[in-house]
């Protein structure tokens, strides 16, 4: 069945009509294609709104860049960006009845999906597809709503684990940089190591265990 039969229409608005009102804007550069995440968003007022800032996004929408599809700039919208604005350079997939967003997001991350968009892209230096290209793309029919709900929960659980893993990795990196700094400044003396070694080892063990739990 075509993707278009799995999604609902998305509303648009022009933020410039409320020049003093703040909003969060997500453009294509704000999506990390390798990670499949929104990694950057801009806080603007209506008077600063770009001409492409028109599409209203909701929690669990799937946004797919229609330009340079080989970059795989797709993401699942987290709750913090609910009712905010994204660029018209995205095709927004809003699962009907709020069920099946996990399936749509997983599809968008497949190499098969990227290959399908690349095959339909037009333009040499700035290849792009249209929303219609994506809506007309045929995908396996999903009839079991309960199965879709379970898969949605699995996708959300996966994001929770990924966030924990990134947090643990960041703390380990920070601990290593602290030790390195002390080593080069001469603070990492034998006396300092004796005083703090148990504390450092305990911290490293706890972070390592937390990291292992995310696999």
Protein backbone atom coordinates (compact mmCIF):
# COMPACT_ATOMS: atom_id res chain seq x y z
CA UNK A 1 0.00 0.00 0.00
CA UNK A 2 1.18 3.59 -0.53
CA UNK A 3 2.56 5.46 2.46
CA UNK A 4 -0.05 8.14 1.85
CA UNK A 5 -2.77 5.77 3.10
CA UNK A 6 -1.00 5.45 6.47
CA UNK A 7 -0.76 9.15 7.30
CA UNK A 8 -2.87 12.19 8.14
CA UNK A 9 -2.72 15.67 6.69
CA UNK A 10 -0.44 18.19 8.38
CA UNK A 11 -1.51 21.77 9.08
CA UNK A 12 0.53 24.81 8.14
CA UNK A 13 0.83 28.31 9.49
CA UNK A 14 2.87 31.42 8.83
CA UNK A 15 4.67 32.45 12.05
CA UNK A 16 5.33 35.92 10.62
CA UNK A 17 1.66 36.74 11.29
CA UNK A 18 2.61 36.83 15.01
CA UNK A 19 5.88 38.83 14.76
CA UNK A 20 6.55 38.90 18.53
CA UNK A 21 5.65 35.27 19.28
CA UNK A 22 8.47 32.79 19.89
CA UNK A 23 8.60 29.39 18.26
CA UNK A 24 11.08 26.57 17.74
CA UNK A 25 12.16 26.00 14.15
CA UNK A 26 13.72 22.84 12.76
CA UNK A 27 15.43 23.02 9.39
CA UNK A 28 17.17 20.31 7.41
CA UNK A 29 20.59 21.16 8.86
CA UNK A 30 19.17 20.41 12.32
CA UNK A 31 18.72 16.70 11.56
CA UNK A 32 21.66 14.31 11.89
CA UNK A 33 21.21 11.78 9.09
CA UNK A 34 23.69 9.33 10.54
CA UNK A 35 21.92 9.22 13.90
CA UNK A 36 18.38 9.74 12.66
CA UNK A 37 17.81 12.45 15.28
CA UNK A 38 16.99 16.13 15.56
CA UNK A 39 20.23 17.50 16.99
CA UNK A 40 19.69 21.24 16.59
CA UNK A 41 16.72 23.60 16.67
CA UNK A 42 16.44 27.39 16.55
CA UNK A 43 14.35 29.62 18.77
CA UNK A 44 12.96 32.46 16.68
CA UNK A 45 10.24 35.09 16.82
CA UNK A 46 7.67 35.42 14.09
CA UNK A 47 9.37 38.39 12.47
CA UNK A 48 12.49 36.25 11.94
CA UNK A 49 10.63 33.31 10.39
CA UNK A 50 12.22 31.98 7.18
CA UNK A 51 9.89 31.59 4.22
CA UNK A 52 10.13 27.80 4.57
CA UNK A 53 9.03 27.81 8.23
CA UNK A 54 5.44 26.72 7.66
CA UNK A 55 4.72 23.13 8.77
CA UNK A 56 3.33 22.37 12.23
CA UNK A 57 4.87 19.22 13.74
CA UNK A 58 3.58 17.08 16.59
CA UNK A 59 5.14 14.50 18.89
CA UNK A 60 6.01 11.27 17.03
CA UNK A 61 5.73 12.78 13.57
CA UNK A 62 8.36 11.43 11.19
CA UNK A 63 10.15 14.14 9.24
CA UNK A 64 11.99 13.26 6.03
CA UNK A 65 14.20 15.67 4.11
CA UNK A 66 13.09 15.90 0.49
CA UNK A 67 16.42 17.39 -0.63
CA UNK A 68 19.58 15.33 -1.01
CA UNK A 69 17.86 12.14 0.18
CA UNK A 70 21.19 10.30 0.17
CA UNK A 71 22.00 12.18 3.42
CA UNK A 72 19.21 10.21 5.18
CA UNK A 73 18.01 13.25 7.13
CA UNK A 74 15.02 11.62 8.81
CA UNK A 75 13.94 11.85 12.44
CA UNK A 76 11.15 11.11 14.90
CA UNK A 77 9.86 14.29 16.55
CA UNK A 78 10.29 14.16 20.36
CA UNK A 79 7.77 15.66 22.78
CA UNK A 80 9.89 18.77 23.34
CA UNK A 81 9.10 19.94 19.79
CA UNK A 82 5.36 19.27 19.90
CA UNK A 83 3.32 21.94 18.07
CA UNK A 84 6.45 23.65 16.75
CA UNK A 85 7.48 24.45 13.17
CA UNK A 86 9.63 22.65 10.63
CA UNK A 87 10.81 23.53 7.14
CA UNK A 88 8.73 22.78 4.06
CA UNK A 89 11.88 20.99 2.92
CA UNK A 90 10.62 18.07 5.04
CA UNK A 91 7.88 15.65 4.19
CA UNK A 92 5.99 15.15 7.45
CA UNK A 93 4.48 11.71 8.07
CA UNK A 94 1.84 11.75 10.81
CA UNK A 95 0.58 8.23 11.52
CA UNK A 96 -3.20 7.89 11.35
CA UNK A 97 -4.69 7.82 14.83
CA UNK A 98 -1.20 8.14 16.29
CA UNK A 99 -0.53 4.43 15.64
CA UNK A 100 2.28 3.18 13.42
CA UNK A 101 4.80 5.99 13.78
CA UNK A 102 7.45 3.46 14.78
CA UNK A 103 6.88 1.54 11.56
CA UNK A 104 7.16 4.75 9.49
CA UNK A 105 10.30 5.86 11.30
CA UNK A 106 11.95 2.43 10.92
CA UNK A 107 11.12 2.49 7.20
CA UNK A 108 12.73 5.91 6.82
CA UNK A 109 15.99 4.56 8.28
CA UNK A 110 16.28 1.61 5.90
CA UNK A 111 18.82 1.73 3.08
CA UNK A 112 16.01 0.44 0.86
CA UNK A 113 14.01 3.60 1.60
CA UNK A 114 16.99 5.83 0.80
CA UNK A 115 17.57 3.95 -2.46
CA UNK A 116 13.92 4.42 -3.44
CA UNK A 117 14.13 8.17 -2.89
CA UNK A 118 17.46 8.44 -4.69
CA UNK A 119 15.93 6.69 -7.71
CA UNK A 120 13.13 9.28 -7.78
CA UNK A 121 15.26 12.36 -7.10
CA UNK A 122 15.42 15.04 -9.77
CA UNK A 123 18.22 17.56 -10.27
CA UNK A 124 21.95 17.00 -10.61
CA UNK A 125 23.59 19.43 -8.19
CA UNK A 126 20.64 19.64 -5.78
CA UNK A 127 18.68 16.38 -6.11
CA UNK A 128 15.25 16.41 -4.50
CA UNK A 129 12.01 14.47 -4.30
CA UNK A 130 8.48 15.70 -3.67
CA UNK A 131 6.07 14.85 -0.89
CA UNK A 132 4.04 12.97 -3.52
CA UNK A 133 7.06 10.77 -4.31
CA UNK A 134 7.14 9.69 -0.67
CA UNK A 135 3.36 9.35 -0.24
CA UNK A 136 3.15 7.15 -3.36
CA UNK A 137 5.95 4.84 -2.26
CA UNK A 138 4.59 1.32 -1.77
CA UNK A 139 5.33 -0.38 1.55
CA UNK A 140 4.14 -3.62 3.19
CA UNK A 141 0.55 -3.40 4.40
CA UNK A 142 0.24 -3.42 8.17
CA UNK A 143 -3.14 -4.69 9.41
CA UNK A 144 -2.48 -5.62 13.04
CA UNK A 145 -2.98 -2.45 15.09
CA UNK A 146 -1.86 -4.16 18.30
CA UNK A 147 1.38 -5.19 16.63
CA UNK A 148 1.90 -1.61 15.44
CA UNK A 149 1.30 -0.31 18.98
CA UNK A 150 3.85 -2.75 20.39
CA UNK A 151 6.38 -1.71 17.76
CA UNK A 152 5.75 1.97 18.56
CA UNK A 153 6.58 1.25 22.22
CA UNK A 154 9.74 -0.62 21.22
CA UNK A 155 10.92 2.35 19.15
CA UNK A 156 10.33 4.73 22.07
CA UNK A 157 12.14 2.35 24.43
CA UNK A 158 15.05 2.29 22.01
CA UNK A 159 15.30 6.09 22.13
CA UNK A 160 15.36 6.01 25.93
CA UNK A 161 18.23 3.51 25.89
CA UNK A 162 20.13 5.51 23.29
CA UNK A 163 19.80 8.69 25.37
CA UNK A 164 21.08 6.87 28.46
CA UNK A 165 23.99 5.46 26.51
CA UNK A 166 24.97 8.88 25.13
CA UNK A 167 24.74 10.36 28.64
CA UNK A 168 26.96 7.67 30.12
CA UNK A 169 29.47 8.00 27.29
CA UNK A 170 29.59 11.78 27.80
CA UNK A 171 30.29 11.36 31.53
CA UNK A 172 33.09 8.86 30.85
CA UNK A 173 34.62 11.25 28.30
CA UNK A 174 34.42 14.09 30.83
CA UNK A 175 36.09 11.96 33.49
CA UNK A 176 38.89 11.01 31.10
CA UNK A 177 39.46 14.67 30.12
CA UNK A 178 39.62 15.62 33.80
CA UNK A 179 42.26 12.97 34.47
CA UNK A 180 44.21 14.00 31.37
CA UNK A 181 44.15 17.65 32.39
CA UNK A 182 45.42 16.82 35.87
CA UNK A 183 48.15 14.62 34.40
CA UNK A 184 49.49 17.44 32.19
CA UNK A 185 49.24 20.12 34.87
CA UNK A 186 51.04 18.00 37.43
CA UNK A 187 48.00 17.70 39.73
CA UNK A 188 47.80 13.96 39.17
CA UNK A 189 50.38 13.18 41.81
CA UNK A 190 50.82 9.92 43.69
CA UNK A 191 49.24 11.55 46.73
CA UNK A 192 46.22 12.72 44.71
CA UNK A 193 45.82 9.29 43.11
CA UNK A 194 45.87 7.59 46.51
CA UNK A 195 43.20 9.96 47.79
CA UNK A 196 40.88 9.63 44.80
CA UNK A 197 41.63 6.28 43.14
CA UNK A 198 38.83 4.36 44.87
CA UNK A 199 36.36 7.10 43.96
CA UNK A 200 37.51 7.16 40.31
CA UNK A 201 37.43 3.39 39.94
CA UNK A 202 33.96 3.22 41.44
CA UNK A 203 32.74 5.92 39.04
CA UNK A 204 34.23 4.14 36.04
CA UNK A 205 32.71 0.81 37.09
CA UNK A 206 29.27 2.35 37.54
CA UNK A 207 29.40 4.10 34.17
CA UNK A 208 30.62 0.94 32.44
CA UNK A 209 27.80 -1.13 33.95
CA UNK A 210 25.26 1.47 32.85
CA UNK A 211 26.71 1.43 29.34
CA UNK A 212 26.56 -2.38 29.21
CA UNK A 213 22.86 -2.31 30.15
CA UNK A 214 22.05 -0.28 27.03
CA UNK A 215 23.24 -3.05 24.67
